Amino acid sequence: MENAIYRGEGILVNKWSYGLRLPFPSWFGYHRIGYCRIGKGDIVLFNNPGRSQQAAGIERRDVFIGRCIGLAGDTLFLNRELSDTASRIYIPDSKELYAYPAQQEKLVEALIKETNIGRNTLVSCMDGGYYVRSFSHYEYYLLSQKACNRIQFTALNRQHSEVHPFIVPRKGQTVAVRPWNAVLLYNTLLLHEHRRVRLQGDTLLMDGKAIRAYTFSKNYYWMAANNPVNLSDSRLFGFVPEDHIIGQAWRIWWPSRIQRFLKKAE
């Protein structure tokens, strides 16, 4: 979490920030008093949601700390396998440039209106008869789905050919099973939804039958490290369910530097 929190610093935690989680949820069930929503960008303490401590009750697992960058219902974009050290998280609202043949301009304009992207003007023209527009990763995903290969989009950053959307599940939301999210959904269903599932290649089997989508019973969050190269985040241990959330990091009380005493953790 450097440079927000440094090794050796003690952190005061506000356990009421998202509502007080009642003790021993593994024994008496998950309940909160005074529920409040997690804010995007909050530094959050939570119990280890990974496989390594599933035999222990939630409250007896290791305590992790991370920055919440994906709320329940959000869509994030990653450009490689989750376990790859080169995997990178893209925020859906960040803009990138895409080129396409000028003769397809009318079709692009029609699809922009159809997908309700909003105002989107040409950025420039390129040699060889290409137009350039700027789309967020989510906008590009919507357009490419509607286009059905009718438009030859070319990302001006080669990494974008590998970008895929990952939906952070919200309670009651149905998430489609795709080849790129099958492993992540498998782990979530097995560990936190407590379903009988099996992964066969890119196919997710539940009770012996292939499923194309699943409706989740909990809210989940995506936690990230301040250092994007460090895999000690949701790329390693997956989505964090709401019953694993402890509270928000509040103040630094045991500083490695005297000027950081009682500084807000942010």
Protein backbone atom coordinates (compact mmCIF):
# COMPACT_ATOMS: atom_id res chain seq x y z
CA MET A 1 0.00 0.00 0.00
CA GLU A 2 2.97 2.35 -0.18
CA ASN A 3 2.96 5.34 -0.53
CA ALA A 4 -0.37 5.59 1.32
CA ILE A 5 0.70 3.31 4.19
CA TYR A 6 4.25 2.19 4.94
CA ARG A 7 5.59 -1.05 6.35
CA GLY A 8 5.59 -1.02 10.16
CA GLU A 9 2.85 1.59 10.59
CA GLY A 10 -0.09 0.88 12.90
CA ILE A 11 -3.54 1.79 11.62
CA LEU A 12 -6.66 2.83 13.55
CA VAL A 13 -9.68 1.19 11.94
CA ASN A 14 -13.25 2.50 12.02
CA LYS A 15 -15.39 -0.64 12.26
CA TRP A 16 -18.58 1.48 12.08
CA SER A 17 -17.66 3.07 8.74
CA TYR A 18 -19.67 0.52 6.73
CA GLY A 19 -21.83 -0.63 9.61
CA LEU A 20 -20.61 -2.75 12.51
CA ARG A 21 -20.21 -6.40 11.56
CA LEU A 22 -21.58 -8.45 14.45
CA PRO A 23 -19.09 -10.88 16.03
CA PHE A 24 -18.67 -14.51 14.94
CA PRO A 25 -20.42 -14.38 11.54
CA SER A 26 -19.34 -17.97 10.84
CA TRP A 27 -21.39 -19.12 13.87
CA PHE A 28 -24.41 -16.78 13.97
CA GLY A 29 -24.61 -15.64 10.35
CA TYR A 30 -23.64 -12.36 8.74
CA HIS A 31 -25.33 -9.21 10.13
CA ARG A 32 -24.44 -5.51 10.29
CA ILE A 33 -25.70 -2.63 12.41
CA GLY A 34 -26.08 0.67 10.53
CA TYR A 35 -25.03 -0.39 7.03
CA CYS A 36 -23.19 2.25 4.95
CA ARG A 37 -21.79 1.92 1.44
CA ILE A 38 -18.11 1.54 0.70
CA GLY A 39 -16.69 4.48 -1.23
CA LYS A 40 -14.60 3.99 -4.34
CA GLY A 41 -10.98 4.63 -3.40
CA ASP A 42 -11.47 3.80 0.30
CA ILE A 43 -8.66 1.91 2.05
CA VAL A 44 -10.46 -1.12 3.50
CA LEU A 45 -9.60 -3.87 5.99
CA PHE A 46 -11.07 -7.28 5.23
CA ASN A 47 -10.57 -10.95 6.01
CA ASN A 48 -8.69 -13.15 3.57
CA PRO A 49 -11.22 -14.32 0.93
CA GLY A 50 -8.80 -16.73 -0.79
CA ARG A 51 -8.61 -20.50 -0.78
CA SER A 52 -5.79 -20.82 1.76
CA GLN A 53 -7.95 -20.24 4.87
CA GLN A 54 -11.39 -21.46 3.83
CA ALA A 55 -11.34 -24.08 6.59
CA ALA A 56 -11.32 -21.32 9.22
CA GLY A 57 -14.29 -19.13 10.13
CA ILE A 58 -14.39 -15.71 8.46
CA GLU A 59 -13.45 -13.85 11.66
CA ARG A 60 -10.40 -16.11 12.24
CA ARG A 61 -8.79 -15.52 8.85
CA ASP A 62 -5.87 -13.19 8.18
CA VAL A 63 -6.64 -9.48 7.94
CA PHE A 64 -5.77 -7.86 4.60
CA ILE A 65 -5.75 -4.20 3.60
CA GLY A 66 -6.38 -2.78 0.15
CA ARG A 67 -7.90 0.06 -1.84
CA CYS A 68 -11.41 -0.55 -3.17
CA ILE A 69 -11.47 0.33 -6.88
CA GLY A 70 -14.46 -1.78 -7.90
CA LEU A 71 -17.86 -1.54 -6.20
CA ALA A 72 -20.66 -4.07 -6.53
CA GLY A 73 -22.08 -3.71 -10.05
CA ASP A 74 -19.00 -1.98 -11.54
CA THR A 75 -17.20 -3.22 -14.65
CA LEU A 76 -13.40 -3.31 -14.72
CA PHE A 77 -11.17 -4.18 -17.65
CA LEU A 78 -7.99 -6.26 -17.46
CA ASN A 79 -5.57 -6.95 -20.27
CA ARG A 80 -4.15 -10.37 -19.37
CA GLU A 81 -4.82 -13.41 -17.23
CA LEU A 82 -5.42 -12.47 -13.57
CA SER A 83 -2.43 -14.49 -12.40
CA ASP A 84 -0.07 -12.91 -14.93
CA THR A 85 2.50 -10.55 -13.39
CA ALA A 86 1.95 -8.25 -16.38
CA SER A 87 -1.81 -8.04 -15.83
CA ARG A 88 -3.04 -4.48 -15.70
CA ILE A 89 -6.31 -3.00 -14.49
CA TYR A 90 -8.07 -0.45 -16.67
CA ILE A 91 -10.65 1.89 -15.19
CA PRO A 92 -13.73 1.86 -17.48
CA ASP A 93 -13.93 5.67 -17.73
CA SER A 94 -10.35 6.15 -18.94
CA LYS A 95 -10.19 7.12 -22.63
CA GLU A 96 -8.09 5.56 -25.37
CA LEU A 97 -7.82 6.10 -29.12
CA TYR A 98 -9.27 3.80 -31.77
CA ALA A 99 -8.97 4.03 -35.57
CA TYR A 100 -11.42 2.69 -38.16
CA PRO A 101 -11.94 3.02 -41.96
CA ALA A 102 -13.45 6.36 -42.99
CA GLN A 103 -16.12 4.63 -45.12
CA GLN A 104 -17.58 3.13 -41.93
CA GLU A 105 -18.19 6.56 -40.35
CA LYS A 106 -21.99 6.50 -40.82
CA LEU A 107 -22.24 3.09 -39.17
CA VAL A 108 -20.08 4.27 -36.25
CA GLU A 109 -22.28 7.33 -35.74
CA ALA A 110 -25.42 5.16 -35.81
CA LEU A 111 -23.99 2.77 -33.22
CA ILE A 112 -22.93 5.66 -30.96
CA LYS A 113 -26.55 6.85 -30.92
CA GLU A 114 -27.89 3.32 -30.46
CA THR A 115 -25.68 2.64 -27.44
CA ASN A 116 -26.44 6.04 -25.84
CA ILE A 117 -22.74 6.80 -25.45
CA GLY A 118 -23.44 10.49 -25.78
CA ARG A 119 -21.52 13.18 -27.58
CA ASN A 120 -18.40 11.78 -29.24
CA THR A 121 -16.58 13.78 -31.90
CA LEU A 122 -13.77 12.86 -34.27
CA VAL A 123 -10.30 13.29 -32.81
CA SER A 124 -8.34 13.28 -36.07
CA CYS A 125 -7.88 11.67 -39.49
CA MET A 126 -5.01 9.37 -40.41
CA ASP A 127 -3.24 8.66 -43.67
CA GLY A 128 -4.77 5.78 -45.58
CA GLY A 129 -8.39 6.81 -45.01
CA TYR A 130 -8.81 6.22 -41.27
CA TYR A 131 -10.74 8.21 -38.69
CA VAL A 132 -9.80 8.32 -35.01
CA ARG A 133 -12.16 8.60 -32.04
CA SER A 134 -11.63 8.38 -28.30
CA PHE A 135 -13.66 5.80 -26.36
CA SER A 136 -13.55 4.56 -22.80
CA HIS A 137 -12.98 0.83 -22.41
CA TYR A 138 -16.65 0.34 -21.56
CA GLU A 139 -17.80 2.42 -24.54
CA TYR A 140 -15.54 0.42 -26.84
CA TYR A 141 -16.93 -2.82 -25.40
CA LEU A 142 -20.53 -1.70 -26.07
CA LEU A 143 -19.69 -0.58 -29.62
CA SER A 144 -17.78 -3.73 -30.52
CA GLN A 145 -20.66 -5.90 -29.25
CA LYS A 146 -23.20 -3.94 -31.31
CA ALA A 147 -20.95 -3.85 -34.39
CA CYS A 148 -20.64 -7.65 -34.56
CA ASN A 149 -17.38 -7.43 -36.56
CA ARG A 150 -18.88 -4.96 -39.08
CA ILE A 151 -16.38 -2.27 -38.02
CA GLN A 152 -12.63 -2.79 -38.18
CA PHE A 153 -11.57 -1.00 -35.02
CA THR A 154 -7.81 -0.76 -34.47
CA ALA A 155 -6.61 0.08 -30.96
CA LEU A 156 -3.68 2.47 -31.12
CA ASN A 157 -2.26 0.62 -28.10
CA ARG A 158 -1.51 -3.04 -28.87
CA GLN A 159 -2.37 -4.17 -25.35
CA HIS A 160 -6.03 -3.40 -25.92
CA SER A 161 -6.58 -6.43 -28.11
CA GLU A 162 -6.35 -8.47 -24.88
CA VAL A 163 -8.64 -6.33 -22.71
CA HIS A 164 -11.75 -8.06 -21.33
CA PRO A 165 -14.55 -6.83 -19.06
CA PHE A 166 -14.89 -8.20 -15.53
CA ILE A 167 -18.16 -7.42 -13.75
CA VAL A 168 -17.95 -7.04 -9.98
CA PRO A 169 -21.11 -8.92 -8.86
CA ARG A 170 -23.94 -7.13 -7.11
CA LYS A 171 -26.61 -8.91 -5.06
CA GLY A 172 -29.36 -10.01 -7.44
CA GLN A 173 -27.26 -9.31 -10.54
CA THR A 174 -26.88 -11.96 -13.23
CA VAL A 175 -23.35 -12.22 -14.64
CA ALA A 176 -22.64 -14.07 -17.89
CA VAL A 177 -19.94 -16.76 -17.92
CA ARG A 178 -17.22 -15.93 -20.46
CA PRO A 179 -13.94 -17.70 -21.28
CA TRP A 180 -11.97 -14.90 -19.61
CA ASN A 181 -13.95 -14.81 -16.34
CA ALA A 182 -14.79 -18.51 -15.93
CA VAL A 183 -11.97 -19.20 -13.43
CA LEU A 184 -12.80 -16.11 -11.35
CA LEU A 185 -16.51 -16.97 -11.25
CA TYR A 186 -15.73 -20.61 -10.44
CA ASN A 187 -13.71 -19.63 -7.37
CA THR A 188 -16.37 -17.14 -6.25
CA LEU A 189 -19.23 -19.61 -6.60
CA LEU A 190 -17.29 -22.37 -4.86
CA LEU A 191 -15.85 -20.36 -1.97
CA HIS A 192 -18.47 -17.69 -1.26
CA GLU A 193 -21.75 -18.72 -2.88
CA HIS A 194 -21.17 -22.30 -1.65
CA ARG A 195 -22.37 -23.93 -4.86
CA ARG A 196 -21.36 -27.31 -6.26
CA VAL A 197 -19.40 -26.23 -9.30
CA ARG A 198 -16.69 -27.66 -11.53
CA LEU A 199 -14.59 -26.07 -14.23
CA GLN A 200 -14.06 -27.98 -17.46
CA GLY A 201 -11.90 -25.90 -19.79
CA ASP A 202 -13.83 -22.64 -20.25
CA THR A 203 -17.14 -24.28 -19.29
CA LEU A 204 -18.57 -23.81 -15.81
CA LEU A 205 -20.61 -26.75 -14.55
CA MET A 206 -23.07 -26.47 -11.66
CA ASP A 207 -24.58 -29.68 -10.31
CA GLY A 208 -23.20 -31.39 -13.41
CA LYS A 209 -24.86 -29.01 -15.92
CA ALA A 210 -23.19 -26.26 -17.94
CA ILE A 211 -24.34 -22.74 -16.98
CA ARG A 212 -24.13 -19.58 -19.08
CA ALA A 213 -24.88 -17.13 -16.27
CA TYR A 214 -25.36 -16.93 -12.51
CA THR A 215 -27.37 -14.60 -10.25
CA PHE A 216 -25.35 -13.67 -7.17
CA SER A 217 -26.66 -13.61 -3.60
CA LYS A 218 -24.08 -11.15 -2.17
CA ASN A 219 -22.36 -7.88 -2.96
CA TYR A 220 -18.69 -8.16 -3.90
CA TYR A 221 -15.78 -5.72 -4.19
CA TRP A 222 -12.50 -5.52 -6.08
CA MET A 223 -9.48 -4.59 -3.97
CA ALA A 224 -6.21 -3.29 -5.44
CA ALA A 225 -2.74 -2.55 -4.17
CA ASN A 226 -1.21 0.90 -4.61
CA ASN A 227 1.58 -0.75 -6.60
CA PRO A 228 -0.06 -2.20 -9.76
CA VAL A 229 2.80 -4.71 -10.24
CA ASN A 230 2.14 -6.21 -6.79
CA LEU A 231 -0.29 -9.12 -7.20
CA SER A 232 -1.38 -9.03 -3.54
CA ASP A 233 -4.87 -7.90 -4.52
CA SER A 234 -8.02 -9.23 -6.17
CA ARG A 235 -6.00 -10.50 -9.13
CA LEU A 236 -4.66 -13.07 -6.67
CA PHE A 237 -7.48 -13.77 -4.18
CA GLY A 238 -10.52 -12.75 -6.26
CA PHE A 239 -13.62 -10.79 -5.35
CA VAL A 240 -14.09 -9.77 -1.70
CA PRO A 241 -17.62 -10.56 -0.44
CA GLU A 242 -19.41 -8.08 1.79
CA ASP A 243 -19.36 -10.40 4.81
CA HIS A 244 -15.52 -10.27 4.78
CA ILE A 245 -15.41 -6.47 5.15
CA ILE A 246 -14.20 -5.28 8.59
CA GLY A 247 -13.97 -1.50 8.28
CA GLN A 248 -12.16 1.50 6.86
CA ALA A 249 -8.57 2.45 7.61
CA TRP A 250 -8.86 5.75 9.48
CA ARG A 251 -5.68 7.17 11.05
CA ILE A 252 -2.03 6.24 11.38
CA TRP A 253 -1.26 5.88 15.09
CA TRP A 254 2.16 4.18 15.20
CA PRO A 255 4.22 6.05 12.60
CA SER A 256 7.54 5.18 11.09
CA ARG A 257 7.87 8.95 10.64
CA ILE A 258 6.82 11.37 13.40
CA GLN A 259 5.13 13.75 10.92
CA ARG A 260 2.67 10.99 9.98
CA PHE A 261 1.22 10.60 13.51
CA LEU A 262 -2.60 10.62 13.29
CA LYS A 263 -2.43 11.38 9.58
CA LYS A 264 -5.53 10.25 7.71
CA ALA A 265 -5.06 7.02 5.77
CA GLU A 266 -5.87 7.90 2.17
